[in-house]
Amino acid sequence: MPSYKRDELPEGRTDWARVRSMPDEEKQAIAESDTDNPLWTREAFEEAELVLPGGHNQVYVSMRVDQEVLDAFRAAGPGYQTRMSDVLRSWVRGELRPVERHDRVERLPDSAHGR
């Protein structure tokens, strides 16, 4: 997906004069028939969560993840690190169930316990 600066946006194909001259009922009918962008229902608004980009007191970390996990997040397109952070935040908030791993047990160094 291309990236543009605000003053470099390409000219769109929307006939805004035609849109402005349409009666509201016609605009509503067109919006309701758009299967690619369905209208929001009251229930959808009630269930929606506001997600603001950045500003979550983010810190730089280096961590190891399975290659298939990284590939899956990257395959979804730009913003994969933000999506990974969103999943981790959901787990911290208790929205995701922790998965116990019994195939590997590692002892933390004493320094990790403040000893």
Protein backbone atom coordinates (compact mmCIF):
# COMPACT_ATOMS: atom_id res chain seq x y z
CA MET A 1 0.00 0.00 0.00
CA PRO A 2 1.50 3.34 -0.99
CA SER A 3 2.27 5.96 1.60
CA TYR A 4 1.52 9.65 0.99
CA LYS A 5 2.05 12.93 2.78
CA ARG A 6 -1.09 15.01 3.23
CA ASP A 7 -0.14 17.53 0.54
CA GLU A 8 0.82 14.74 -1.90
CA LEU A 9 -2.47 12.82 -1.96
CA PRO A 10 -3.46 11.70 -5.46
CA GLU A 11 -6.60 13.16 -7.00
CA GLY A 12 -9.58 10.94 -6.21
CA ARG A 13 -12.30 9.85 -8.61
CA THR A 14 -15.26 10.94 -6.46
CA ASP A 15 -17.61 13.46 -8.09
CA TRP A 16 -18.12 15.58 -4.97
CA ALA A 17 -20.42 18.05 -6.73
CA ARG A 18 -22.76 15.14 -7.55
CA VAL A 19 -22.55 13.81 -3.99
CA ARG A 20 -23.35 17.24 -2.51
CA SER A 21 -26.37 17.60 -4.81
CA MET A 22 -27.86 14.18 -3.86
CA PRO A 23 -30.78 14.05 -1.46
CA ASP A 24 -29.89 12.50 1.91
CA GLU A 25 -32.27 9.60 1.23
CA GLU A 26 -30.30 8.66 -1.89
CA LYS A 27 -26.98 8.83 -0.02
CA GLN A 28 -28.46 6.64 2.73
CA ALA A 29 -29.73 4.07 0.21
CA ILE A 30 -26.31 3.89 -1.46
CA ALA A 31 -24.58 3.50 1.92
CA GLU A 32 -26.99 0.72 2.98
CA SER A 33 -26.36 -1.21 -0.26
CA ASP A 34 -22.56 -1.15 0.11
CA THR A 35 -21.67 -4.73 1.04
CA ASP A 36 -17.93 -3.92 1.28
CA ASN A 37 -18.52 -1.33 3.99
CA PRO A 38 -21.66 -2.19 5.99
CA LEU A 39 -23.25 0.45 8.19
CA TRP A 40 -22.45 0.30 11.88
CA THR A 41 -25.20 -0.88 14.17
CA ARG A 42 -25.77 0.42 17.68
CA GLU A 43 -24.54 -2.95 18.99
CA ALA A 44 -21.33 -2.69 16.97
CA PHE A 45 -20.63 0.76 18.44
CA GLU A 46 -21.27 -0.55 21.95
CA GLU A 47 -18.80 -3.41 21.43
CA ALA A 48 -16.16 -1.31 19.66
CA GLU A 49 -12.91 -0.47 21.41
CA LEU A 50 -11.06 2.75 20.72
CA VAL A 51 -7.49 1.95 19.81
CA LEU A 52 -5.16 4.91 19.54
CA PRO A 53 -1.91 4.48 17.63
CA GLY A 54 1.27 4.54 19.69
CA GLY A 55 1.64 6.37 22.96
CA HIS A 56 1.26 3.28 25.17
CA ASN A 57 4.51 3.98 26.99
CA GLN A 58 6.18 1.73 24.47
CA VAL A 59 9.70 0.55 25.08
CA TYR A 60 12.18 -1.09 22.76
CA VAL A 61 12.71 -4.78 23.44
CA SER A 62 14.44 -7.60 21.69
CA MET A 63 12.69 -10.95 22.01
CA ARG A 64 12.62 -14.30 20.31
CA VAL A 65 9.42 -15.62 18.76
CA ASP A 66 8.74 -18.68 16.65
CA GLN A 67 9.29 -18.07 12.94
CA GLU A 68 5.73 -19.10 12.09
CA VAL A 69 4.37 -16.52 14.57
CA LEU A 70 6.45 -13.74 13.06
CA ASP A 71 5.53 -14.83 9.52
CA ALA A 72 1.82 -14.81 10.37
CA PHE A 73 1.92 -11.29 11.84
CA ARG A 74 4.05 -9.96 8.99
CA ALA A 75 1.76 -11.59 6.40
CA ALA A 76 -1.09 -9.40 7.64
CA GLY A 77 0.78 -6.35 6.35
CA PRO A 78 2.31 -3.22 7.82
CA GLY A 79 1.86 -2.69 11.54
CA TYR A 80 2.70 -6.24 12.59
CA GLN A 81 4.60 -5.08 15.69
CA THR A 82 1.59 -3.06 16.82
CA ARG A 83 -0.65 -6.11 16.29
CA MET A 84 1.73 -8.23 18.33
CA SER A 85 1.63 -5.63 21.11
CA ASP A 86 -2.18 -5.57 20.94
CA VAL A 87 -2.31 -9.35 21.44
CA LEU A 88 0.07 -9.16 24.38
CA ARG A 89 -1.93 -6.28 25.91
CA SER A 90 -5.12 -8.36 25.59
CA TRP A 91 -3.41 -11.19 27.44
CA VAL A 92 -2.26 -8.81 30.20
CA ARG A 93 -5.82 -7.49 30.57
CA GLY A 94 -7.09 -11.05 30.97
CA GLU A 95 -8.94 -11.03 27.66
CA LEU A 96 -6.92 -14.01 26.45
CA ARG A 97 -6.39 -17.23 28.36
CA PRO A 98 -2.76 -18.01 29.21
CA VAL A 99 -1.37 -21.13 27.59
CA GLU A 100 0.73 -23.39 29.79
CA ARG A 101 3.75 -24.90 28.12
CA HIS A 102 5.04 -28.12 29.62
CA ASP A 103 7.56 -28.95 26.92
CA ARG A 104 10.19 -26.56 28.26
CA VAL A 105 10.99 -25.42 31.76
CA GLU A 106 13.75 -22.93 32.28
CA ARG A 107 15.02 -21.69 35.58
CA LEU A 108 15.34 -17.93 35.81
CA PRO A 109 18.72 -16.69 36.99
CA ASP A 110 18.82 -15.55 40.61
CA SER A 111 19.33 -11.98 39.40
CA ALA A 112 15.84 -12.06 37.87
CA HIS A 113 14.42 -12.59 41.36
CA GLY A 114 16.39 -9.72 42.86
CA ARG A 115 18.84 -12.04 44.61
